[in-house]
PDB file of N, CA and C in Angstrom:
ATOM      1  N   MET A   1     -33.921  77.144   1.906  1.00  0.00           N
ATOM      2  CA  MET A   1     -34.864  75.799   1.212  1.00  0.00           C
ATOM      3  C   MET A   1     -35.884  75.651   1.937  1.00  0.00           C
ATOM      4  N   ALA A   2     -35.382  75.376   3.136  1.00  0.00           N
ATOM      5  CA  ALA A   2     -37.146  74.853   4.467  1.00  0.00           C
ATOM      6  C   ALA A   2     -37.753  76.229   4.361  1.00  0.00           C
ATOM      7  N   GLY A   3     -37.438  77.072   4.826  1.00  0.00           N
ATOM      8  CA  GLY A   3     -38.807  78.294   4.368  1.00  0.00           C
ATOM      9  C   GLY A   3     -39.103  78.432   3.424  1.00  0.00           C
ATOM     10  N   ASP A   4     -38.610  78.057   2.056  1.00  0.00           N
ATOM     11  CA  ASP A   4     -39.372  78.769   0.595  1.00  0.00           C
ATOM     12  C   ASP A   4     -40.199  77.311   0.923  1.00  0.00           C
ATOM     13  N   ALA A   5     -40.634  76.365   1.042  1.00  0.00           N
ATOM     14  CA  ALA A   5     -41.728  75.613   1.419  1.00  0.00           C
ATOM     15  C   ALA A   5     -42.380  75.836   2.188  1.00  0.00           C
ATOM     16  N   GLU A   6     -42.212  76.057   3.330  1.00  0.00           N
ATOM     17  CA  GLU A   6     -43.099  76.535   4.308  1.00  0.00           C
ATOM     18  C   GLU A   6     -44.143  77.510   3.840  1.00  0.00           C
ATOM     19  N   LEU A   7     -43.638  78.974   3.265  1.00  0.00           N
ATOM     20  CA  LEU A   7     -44.209  80.059   2.816  1.00  0.00           C
ATOM     21  C   LEU A   7     -44.968  79.370   1.462  1.00  0.00           C
ATOM     22  N   LEU A   8     -44.679  78.476   0.777  1.00  0.00           N
ATOM     23  CA  LEU A   8     -45.838  78.028  -0.600  1.00  0.00           C
ATOM     24  C   LEU A   8     -46.631  76.736   0.341  1.00  0.00           C
ATOM     25  N   LEU A   9     -46.595  76.287   1.410  1.00  0.00           N
ATOM     26  CA  LEU A   9     -47.324  76.042   2.532  1.00  0.00           C
ATOM     27  C   LEU A   9     -48.098  76.826   2.362  1.00  0.00           C
ATOM     28  N   LYS A  10     -47.939  77.521   2.905  1.00  0.00           N
ATOM     29  CA  LYS A  10     -49.573  78.877   3.404  1.00  0.00           C
ATOM     30  C   LYS A  10     -50.401  79.095   1.876  1.00  0.00           C
ATOM     31  N   SER A  11     -49.576  79.044   0.685  1.00  0.00           N
ATOM     32  CA  SER A  11     -50.393  79.523  -0.363  1.00  0.00           C
ATOM     33  C   SER A  11     -51.276  78.279  -1.284  1.00  0.00           C
ATOM     34  N   VAL A  12     -50.880  77.649  -0.423  1.00  0.00           N
ATOM     35  CA  VAL A  12     -51.995  76.313  -1.098  1.00  0.00           C
ATOM     36  C   VAL A  12     -52.931  76.107   0.044  1.00  0.00           C
ATOM     37  N   GLU A  13     -53.888  75.133  -0.953  1.00  0.00           N
ATOM     38  CA  GLU A  13     -54.888  74.753  -0.347  1.00  0.00           C
ATOM     39  C   GLU A  13     -54.982  73.406  -0.862  1.00  0.00           C
ATOM     40  N   GLY A  14     -56.010  73.011   0.193  1.00  0.00           N
ATOM     41  CA  GLY A  14     -55.812  71.559   0.333  1.00  0.00           C
ATOM     42  C   GLY A  14     -55.907  70.598  -1.166  1.00  0.00           C
ATOM     43  N   SER A  15     -56.893  71.179  -1.886  1.00  0.00           N
ATOM     44  CA  SER A  15     -57.168  70.509  -2.803  1.00  0.00           C
ATOM     45  C   SER A  15     -56.263  70.830  -4.428  1.00  0.00           C
ATOM     46  N   THR A  16     -54.733  71.669  -3.940  1.00  0.00           N
ATOM     47  CA  THR A  16     -53.869  72.176  -4.735  1.00  0.00           C
ATOM     48  C   THR A  16     -53.274  71.365  -5.110  1.00  0.00           C
ATOM     49  N   ARG A  17     -53.045  71.416  -6.589  1.00  0.00           N
ATOM     50  CA  ARG A  17     -52.336  69.899  -7.229  1.00  0.00           C
ATOM     51  C   ARG A  17     -50.312  70.728  -7.557  1.00  0.00           C
ATOM     52  N   ILE A  18     -49.229  70.031  -6.910  1.00  0.00           N
ATOM     53  CA  ILE A  18     -48.461  70.521  -7.134  1.00  0.00           C
ATOM     54  C   ILE A  18     -47.416  69.850  -8.006  1.00  0.00           C
ATOM     55  N   ILE A  19     -46.921  70.852  -9.909  1.00  0.00           N
ATOM     56  CA  ILE A  19     -45.763  69.784 -10.414  1.00  0.00           C
ATOM     57  C   ILE A  19     -44.542  70.749  -9.757  1.00  0.00           C
ATOM     58  N   PRO A  20     -43.845  69.382  -8.838  1.00  0.00           N
ATOM     59  CA  PRO A  20     -42.597  70.008  -9.087  1.00  0.00           C
ATOM     60  C   PRO A  20     -41.394  69.569 -10.022  1.00  0.00           C
ATOM     61  N   GLY A  21     -40.512  70.039 -10.012  1.00  0.00           N
ATOM     62  CA  GLY A  21     -39.305  70.453 -11.153  1.00  0.00           C
ATOM     63  C   GLY A  21     -38.837  68.785 -10.905  1.00  0.00           C
ATOM     64  N   HIS A  22     -38.914  67.930  -9.920  1.00  0.00           N
ATOM     65  CA  HIS A  22     -38.328  66.547 -10.128  1.00  0.00           C
ATOM     66  C   HIS A  22     -39.660  66.015  -9.808  1.00  0.00           C
ATOM     67  N   GLY A  23     -39.763  64.514  -9.703  1.00  0.00           N
ATOM     68  CA  GLY A  23     -40.860  63.901  -9.410  1.00  0.00           C
ATOM     69  C   GLY A  23     -42.186  63.846  -9.790  1.00  0.00           C
ATOM     70  N   PRO A  24     -42.487  63.166  -8.857  1.00  0.00           N
ATOM     71  CA  PRO A  24     -44.529  63.044  -9.273  1.00  0.00           C
ATOM     72  C   PRO A  24     -45.196  63.985  -9.379  1.00  0.00           C
ATOM     73  N   LEU A  25     -46.635  64.464  -9.682  1.00  0.00           N
ATOM     74  CA  LEU A  25     -47.284  64.875  -9.072  1.00  0.00           C
ATOM     75  C   LEU A  25     -47.536  65.438  -7.498  1.00  0.00           C
ATOM     76  N   ALA A  26     -48.235  66.360  -6.854  1.00  0.00           N
ATOM     77  CA  ALA A  26     -47.853  66.436  -5.481  1.00  0.00           C
ATOM     78  C   ALA A  26     -48.756  67.234  -5.081  1.00  0.00           C
ATOM     79  N   SER A  27     -49.237  66.776  -3.842  1.00  0.00           N
ATOM     80  CA  SER A  27     -50.543  67.359  -2.846  1.00  0.00           C
ATOM     81  C   SER A  27     -49.671  68.092  -2.019  1.00  0.00           C
ATOM     82  N   LYS A  28     -50.826  68.720  -1.021  1.00  0.00           N
ATOM     83  CA  LYS A  28     -50.277  69.798   0.116  1.00  0.00           C
ATOM     84  C   LYS A  28     -49.641  68.714   1.304  1.00  0.00           C
ATOM     85  N   VAL A  29     -50.124  67.712   1.682  1.00  0.00           N
ATOM     86  CA  VAL A  29     -49.951  66.496   2.299  1.00  0.00           C
ATOM     87  C   VAL A  29     -48.031  66.069   2.275  1.00  0.00           C
ATOM     88  N   ASP A  30     -48.208  66.331   0.467  1.00  0.00           N
ATOM     89  CA  ASP A  30     -46.625  65.905  -0.007  1.00  0.00           C
ATOM     90  C   ASP A  30     -45.769  66.655   0.206  1.00  0.00           C
ATOM     91  N   LEU A  31     -46.316  68.190   0.019  1.00  0.00           N
ATOM     92  CA  LEU A  31     -45.323  69.170   0.799  1.00  0.00           C
ATOM     93  C   LEU A  31     -44.895  69.770   1.734  1.00  0.00           C
ATOM     94  N   ARG A  32     -46.191  69.256   2.382  1.00  0.00           N
ATOM     95  CA  ARG A  32     -45.883  69.426   4.262  1.00  0.00           C
ATOM     96  C   ARG A  32     -44.759  68.155   4.984  1.00  0.00           C
ATOM     97  N   VAL A  33     -44.506  66.970   3.846  1.00  0.00           N
ATOM     98  CA  VAL A  33     -43.232  66.031   3.805  1.00  0.00           C
ATOM     99  C   VAL A  33     -42.359  66.308   3.688  1.00  0.00           C
ATOM    100  N   TYR A  34     -42.810  67.130   2.663  1.00  0.00           N
ATOM    101  CA  TYR A  34     -40.694  67.604   2.072  1.00  0.00           C
ATOM    102  C   TYR A  34     -40.344  68.684   2.554  1.00  0.00           C
ATOM    103  N   ALA A  35     -41.035  69.299   3.149  1.00  0.00           N
ATOM    104  CA  ALA A  35     -41.002  70.492   4.242  1.00  0.00           C
ATOM    105  C   ALA A  35     -40.219  70.375   5.131  1.00  0.00           C
ATOM    106  N   ASP A  36     -41.310  69.173   6.233  1.00  0.00           N
ATOM    107  CA  ASP A  36     -40.492  68.784   7.533  1.00  0.00           C
ATOM    108  C   ASP A  36     -38.822  68.085   7.486  1.00  0.00           C
ATOM    109  N   MET A  37     -39.156  66.979   6.201  1.00  0.00           N
ATOM    110  CA  MET A  37     -37.692  66.444   5.823  1.00  0.00           C
ATOM    111  C   MET A  37     -36.612  67.643   5.679  1.00  0.00           C
ATOM    112  N   LEU A  38     -36.512  68.473   4.904  1.00  0.00           N
ATOM    113  CA  LEU A  38     -35.950  70.016   4.839  1.00  0.00           C
ATOM    114  C   LEU A  38     -35.855  70.460   5.679  1.00  0.00           C
ATOM    115  N   ALA A  39     -36.493  70.468   6.553  1.00  0.00           N
ATOM    116  CA  ALA A  39     -36.062  71.375   8.345  1.00  0.00           C
ATOM    117  C   ALA A  39     -35.226  70.060   8.947  1.00  0.00           C
ATOM    118  N   ALA A  40     -35.808  69.078   8.779  1.00  0.00           N
ATOM    119  CA  ALA A  40     -34.749  67.551  10.100  1.00  0.00           C
ATOM    120  C   ALA A  40     -33.648  67.928   9.071  1.00  0.00           C
ATOM    121  N   CYS A  41     -33.435  68.146   8.016  1.00  0.00           N
ATOM    122  CA  CYS A  41     -31.705  68.046   7.088  1.00  0.00           C
ATOM    123  C   CYS A  41     -30.705  68.609   7.452  1.00  0.00           C
ATOM    124  N   LEU A  42     -31.770  69.882   7.796  1.00  0.00           N
ATOM    125  CA  LEU A  42     -31.065  71.580   8.358  1.00  0.00           C
ATOM    126  C   LEU A  42     -30.546  71.785   9.396  1.00  0.00           C
ATOM    127  N   GLU A  43     -31.108  71.088  10.658  1.00  0.00           N
ATOM    128  CA  GLU A  43     -31.308  70.903  11.502  1.00  0.00           C
ATOM    129  C   GLU A  43     -29.789  69.736  11.993  1.00  0.00           C
ATOM    130  N   ILE A  44     -29.779  68.871  11.419  1.00  0.00           N
ATOM    131  CA  ILE A  44     -29.253  67.845  11.440  1.00  0.00           C
ATOM    132  C   ILE A  44     -27.857  68.315  11.240  1.00  0.00           C
ATOM    133  N   MET A  45     -27.781  68.787  10.549  1.00  0.00           N
ATOM    134  CA  MET A  45     -26.446  69.596   9.262  1.00  0.00           C
ATOM    135  C   MET A  45     -26.000  70.518  10.204  1.00  0.00           C
ATOM    136  N   ASN A  46     -26.557  71.509  10.815  1.00  0.00           N
ATOM    137  CA  ASN A  46     -26.241  72.474  11.821  1.00  0.00           C
ATOM    138  C   ASN A  46     -25.573  71.859  12.907  1.00  0.00           C
ATOM    139  N   GLN A  47     -26.427  71.052  13.436  1.00  0.00           N
ATOM    140  CA  GLN A  47     -25.902  70.469  14.854  1.00  0.00           C
ATOM    141  C   GLN A  47     -23.994  70.101  14.389  1.00  0.00           C
ATOM    142  N   GLN A  48     -23.991  69.189  13.367  1.00  0.00           N
ATOM    143  CA  GLN A  48     -22.880  68.437  12.645  1.00  0.00           C
ATOM    144  C   GLN A  48     -21.811  69.874  12.790  1.00  0.00           C
ATOM    145  N   LEU A  49     -22.158  70.515  11.915  1.00  0.00           N
ATOM    146  CA  LEU A  49     -20.929  72.133  11.090  1.00  0.00           C
ATOM    147  C   LEU A  49     -20.716  72.641  13.132  1.00  0.00           C
ATOM    148  N   ARG A  50     -21.824  72.976  13.859  1.00  0.00           N
ATOM    149  CA  ARG A  50     -21.369  73.357  15.054  1.00  0.00           C
ATOM    150  C   ARG A  50     -20.764  72.997  15.788  1.00  0.00           C
ATOM    151  N   ALA A  51     -20.516  71.292  15.681  1.00  0.00           N
ATOM    152  CA  ALA A  51     -19.384  70.819  16.719  1.00  0.00           C
ATOM    153  C   ALA A  51     -18.244  70.527  15.806  1.00  0.00           C
ATOM    154  N   GLY A  52     -18.304  71.425  14.235  1.00  0.00           N
ATOM    155  CA  GLY A  52     -17.082  71.074  13.593  1.00  0.00           C
ATOM    156  C   GLY A  52     -16.446  70.184  12.441  1.00  0.00           C
ATOM    157  N   ARG A  53     -17.115  68.609  12.093  1.00  0.00           N
ATOM    158  CA  ARG A  53     -17.564  67.734  11.720  1.00  0.00           C
ATOM    159  C   ARG A  53     -16.644  68.238  10.426  1.00  0.00           C
ATOM    160  N   THR A  54     -15.877  67.498   9.874  1.00  0.00           N
ATOM    161  CA  THR A  54     -16.032  67.916   8.544  1.00  0.00           C
ATOM    162  C   THR A  54     -16.765  66.698   7.281  1.00  0.00           C
ATOM    163  N   LEU A  55     -16.870  67.009   6.405  1.00  0.00           N
ATOM    164  CA  LEU A  55     -17.802  66.339   5.849  1.00  0.00           C
ATOM    165  C   LEU A  55     -17.732  65.132   5.541  1.00  0.00           C
ATOM    166  N   ASP A  56     -16.612  64.520   5.584  1.00  0.00           N
ATOM    167  CA  ASP A  56     -16.288  62.685   5.731  1.00  0.00           C
ATOM    168  C   ASP A  56     -16.882  62.660   7.076  1.00  0.00           C
ATOM    169  N   GLN A  57     -16.728  62.777   8.322  1.00  0.00           N
ATOM    170  CA  GLN A  57     -17.428  63.220   9.417  1.00  0.00           C
ATOM    171  C   GLN A  57     -18.585  62.929   9.411  1.00  0.00           C
ATOM    172  N   ILE A  58     -19.580  64.335   8.744  1.00  0.00           N
ATOM    173  CA  ILE A  58     -20.859  64.206   8.795  1.00  0.00           C
ATOM    174  C   ILE A  58     -21.362  62.850   8.116  1.00  0.00           C
ATOM    175  N   ALA A  59     -20.922  62.436   7.067  1.00  0.00           N
ATOM    176  CA  ALA A  59     -21.447  61.633   6.177  1.00  0.00           C
ATOM    177  C   ALA A  59     -21.627  60.113   7.116  1.00  0.00           C
ATOM    178  N   GLY A  60     -19.996  60.118   7.743  1.00  0.00           N
ATOM    179  CA  GLY A  60     -20.627  58.688   8.504  1.00  0.00           C
ATOM    180  C   GLY A  60     -20.683  58.414   9.402  1.00  0.00           C
ATOM    181  N   ARG A  61     -21.441  59.265  10.371  1.00  0.00           N
ATOM    182  CA  ARG A  61     -22.417  59.846  11.328  1.00  0.00           C
ATOM    183  C   ARG A  61     -23.721  58.786  11.343  1.00  0.00           C
ATOM    184  N   ALA A  62     -24.303  58.199  12.550  1.00  0.00           N
ATOM    185  CA  ALA A  62     -25.599  57.763  12.225  1.00  0.00           C
ATOM    186  C   ALA A  62     -26.438  58.524  12.302  1.00  0.00           C
ATOM    187  N   THR A  63     -26.303  59.817  12.512  1.00  0.00           N
ATOM    188  CA  THR A  63     -27.553  60.782  12.667  1.00  0.00           C
ATOM    189  C   THR A  63     -27.543  61.379  11.611  1.00  0.00           C
ATOM    190  N   VAL A  64     -26.556  61.221  10.369  1.00  0.00           N
ATOM    191  CA  VAL A  64     -27.201  60.942   9.064  1.00  0.00           C
ATOM    192  C   VAL A  64     -27.578  59.940   8.387  1.00  0.00           C
ATOM    193  N   GLN A  65     -28.282  58.917   9.476  1.00  0.00           N
ATOM    194  CA  GLN A  65     -28.850  57.635   8.450  1.00  0.00           C
ATOM    195  C   GLN A  65     -30.722  58.329   7.994  1.00  0.00           C
ATOM    196  N   ASP A  66     -30.925  59.603   8.911  1.00  0.00           N
ATOM    197  CA  ASP A  66     -31.912  59.680   8.745  1.00  0.00           C
ATOM    198  C   ASP A  66     -32.231  60.577   7.403  1.00  0.00           C
ATOM    199  N   ILE A  67     -30.756  61.283   7.314  1.00  0.00           N
ATOM    200  CA  ILE A  67     -31.113  62.080   6.036  1.00  0.00           C
ATOM    201  C   ILE A  67     -31.397  61.001   4.808  1.00  0.00           C
ATOM    202  N   ARG A  68     -30.224  59.881   4.753  1.00  0.00           N
ATOM    203  CA  ARG A  68     -30.392  58.929   3.677  1.00  0.00           C
ATOM    204  C   ARG A  68     -31.950  58.325   4.167  1.00  0.00           C
ATOM    205  N   ARG A  69     -32.444  57.937   4.620  1.00  0.00           N
ATOM    206  CA  ARG A  69     -33.640  57.283   4.590  1.00  0.00           C
ATOM    207  C   ARG A  69     -34.307  57.974   3.618  1.00  0.00           C
ATOM    208  N   GLN A  70     -34.808  59.862   4.329  1.00  0.00           N
ATOM    209  CA  GLN A  70     -35.522  60.439   3.929  1.00  0.00           C
ATOM    210  C   GLN A  70     -35.457  61.132   2.486  1.00  0.00           C
ATOM    211  N   VAL A  71     -33.911  61.277   2.102  1.00  0.00           N
ATOM    212  CA  VAL A  71     -33.860  62.143   0.578  1.00  0.00           C
ATOM    213  C   VAL A  71     -32.996  60.359  -0.359  1.00  0.00           C
ATOM    214  N   GLY A  72     -32.935  59.523  -0.056  1.00  0.00           N
ATOM    215  CA  GLY A  72     -32.515  58.379  -1.075  1.00  0.00           C
ATOM    216  C   GLY A  72     -33.747  58.055  -2.366  1.00  0.00           C
ATOM    217  N   LYS A  73     -34.327  58.541  -2.095  1.00  0.00           N
ATOM    218  CA  LYS A  73     -35.373  58.317  -2.709  1.00  0.00           C
ATOM    219  C   LYS A  73     -35.747  59.156  -4.030  1.00  0.00           C
ATOM    220  N   GLY A  74     -35.636  60.161  -3.906  1.00  0.00           N
ATOM    221  CA  GLY A  74     -35.492  61.507  -5.146  1.00  0.00           C
ATOM    222  C   GLY A  74     -34.825  60.909  -6.350  1.00  0.00           C
ATOM    223  N   PHE A  75     -34.311  62.365  -7.195  1.00  0.00           N
ATOM    224  CA  PHE A  75     -33.292  62.470  -7.885  1.00  0.00           C
ATOM    225  C   PHE A  75     -32.121  62.416  -7.153  1.00  0.00           C
ATOM    226  N   MET A  76     -31.973  62.617  -6.727  1.00  0.00           N
ATOM    227  CA  MET A  76     -30.217  62.992  -6.072  1.00  0.00           C
ATOM    228  C   MET A  76     -30.254  61.662  -4.451  1.00  0.00           C
ATOM    229  N   ASN A  77     -29.074  61.115  -4.724  1.00  0.00           N
ATOM    230  CA  ASN A  77     -29.100  60.454  -3.540  1.00  0.00           C
ATOM    231  C   ASN A  77     -28.347  61.062  -2.347  1.00  0.00           C
ATOM    232  N   ALA A  78     -28.673  60.291  -1.093  1.00  0.00           N
ATOM    233  CA  ALA A  78     -28.269  60.769   0.114  1.00  0.00           C
ATOM    234  C   ALA A  78     -27.205  61.234   0.471  1.00  0.00           C
ATOM    235  N   GLU A  79     -25.964  60.615  -0.416  1.00  0.00           N
ATOM    236  CA  GLU A  79     -24.634  61.158  -0.250  1.00  0.00           C
ATOM    237  C   GLU A  79     -24.620  62.276  -0.830  1.00  0.00           C
ATOM    238  N   GLN A  80     -24.957  62.722  -2.593  1.00  0.00           N
ATOM    239  CA  GLN A  80     -24.822  64.211  -2.918  1.00  0.00           C
ATOM    240  C   GLN A  80     -25.659  65.251  -2.483  1.00  0.00           C
ATOM    241  N   TRP A  81     -26.617  64.744  -2.023  1.00  0.00           N
ATOM    242  CA  TRP A  81     -27.526  66.017  -0.962  1.00  0.00           C
ATOM    243  C   TRP A  81     -26.217  66.436   0.447  1.00  0.00           C
ATOM    244  N   ILE A  82     -25.847  65.856   1.153  1.00  0.00           N
ATOM    245  CA  ILE A  82     -25.617  65.362   2.403  1.00  0.00           C
ATOM    246  C   ILE A  82     -23.879  67.001   1.503  1.00  0.00           C
ATOM    247  N   LYS A  83     -23.316  66.057   1.125  1.00  0.00           N
ATOM    248  CA  LYS A  83     -22.182  67.080   0.376  1.00  0.00           C
ATOM    249  C   LYS A  83     -22.503  67.873  -0.814  1.00  0.00           C
ATOM    250  N   LEU A  84     -23.961  68.676  -1.275  1.00  0.00           N
ATOM    251  CA  LEU A  84     -24.426  70.064  -1.663  1.00  0.00           C
ATOM    252  C   LEU A  84     -25.085  70.501  -0.651  1.00  0.00           C
ATOM    253  N   ASN A  85     -24.910  70.027   0.521  1.00  0.00           N
ATOM    254  CA  ASN A  85     -25.739  71.126   1.541  1.00  0.00           C
ATOM    255  C   ASN A  85     -24.401  71.200   2.623  1.00  0.00           C
ATOM    256  N   TYR A  86     -23.805  70.870   2.812  1.00  0.00           N
ATOM    257  CA  TYR A  86     -22.284  70.680   3.591  1.00  0.00           C
ATOM    258  C   TYR A  86     -21.587  72.147   2.397  1.00  0.00           C
ATOM    259  N   ALA A  87     -21.709  71.794   0.934  1.00  0.00           N
ATOM    260  CA  ALA A  87     -20.940  73.029   0.283  1.00  0.00           C
ATOM    261  C   ALA A  87     -20.920  74.100   0.664  1.00  0.00           C
ATOM    262  N   GLY A  88     -22.494  74.059   1.029  1.00  0.00           N
ATOM    263  CA  GLY A  88     -23.464  75.682   0.534  1.00  0.00           C
ATOM    264  C   GLY A  88     -23.675  76.127   2.622  1.00  0.00           C
ATOM    265  N   MET A  89     -23.555  75.429   3.467  1.00  0.00           N
ATOM    266  CA  MET A  89     -24.069  75.376   4.585  1.00  0.00           C
ATOM    267  C   MET A  89     -22.103  75.616   5.299  1.00  0.00           C
ATOM    268  N   ALA A  90     -21.521  74.861   4.928  1.00  0.00           N
ATOM    269  CA  ALA A  90     -20.266  75.500   5.920  1.00  0.00           C
ATOM    270  C   ALA A  90     -19.591  76.438   5.487  1.00  0.00           C
ATOM    271  N   LYS A  91     -19.782  77.510   4.611  1.00  0.00           N
ATOM    272  CA  LYS A  91     -19.379  78.537   4.118  1.00  0.00           C
ATOM    273  C   LYS A  91     -20.061  79.773   5.028  1.00  0.00           C
ATOM    274  N   GLN A  92     -21.361  79.334   5.470  1.00  0.00           N
ATOM    275  CA  GLN A  92     -22.021  80.327   6.261  1.00  0.00           C
ATOM    276  C   GLN A  92     -21.836  79.897   7.863  1.00  0.00           C
ATOM    277  N   PRO A  93     -22.078  80.938   8.908  1.00  0.00           N
ATOM    278  CA  PRO A  93     -22.410  81.275   9.959  1.00  0.00           C
ATOM    279  C   PRO A  93     -23.768  80.481  10.241  1.00  0.00           C
ATOM    280  N   ALA A  94     -23.409  79.167  11.108  1.00  0.00           N
ATOM    281  CA  ALA A  94     -24.750  78.623  11.520  1.00  0.00           C
ATOM    282  C   ALA A  94     -25.796  79.084  12.400  1.00  0.00           C
TER     283      ALA A  94
END
């Protein structure tokens, strides 16, 4: 996820307008913010999974407030985001 955004960042210019699947028209700066958010969320989730925490434990932790602040503004709320990421990431080695 975060890697895909980083690849896209390398292929767009500063004046490029990005039409996302969800949300308003975006710029390269918006894409940078999105890629940084994905990387931060991935790191938080990986830390929690390495610590052996369950979905309920992760959703209740203070560090997940960072995810809530970042993700809660889009088409998916933070709880949905955490649940979706947990489902995918818990099946893979961190």
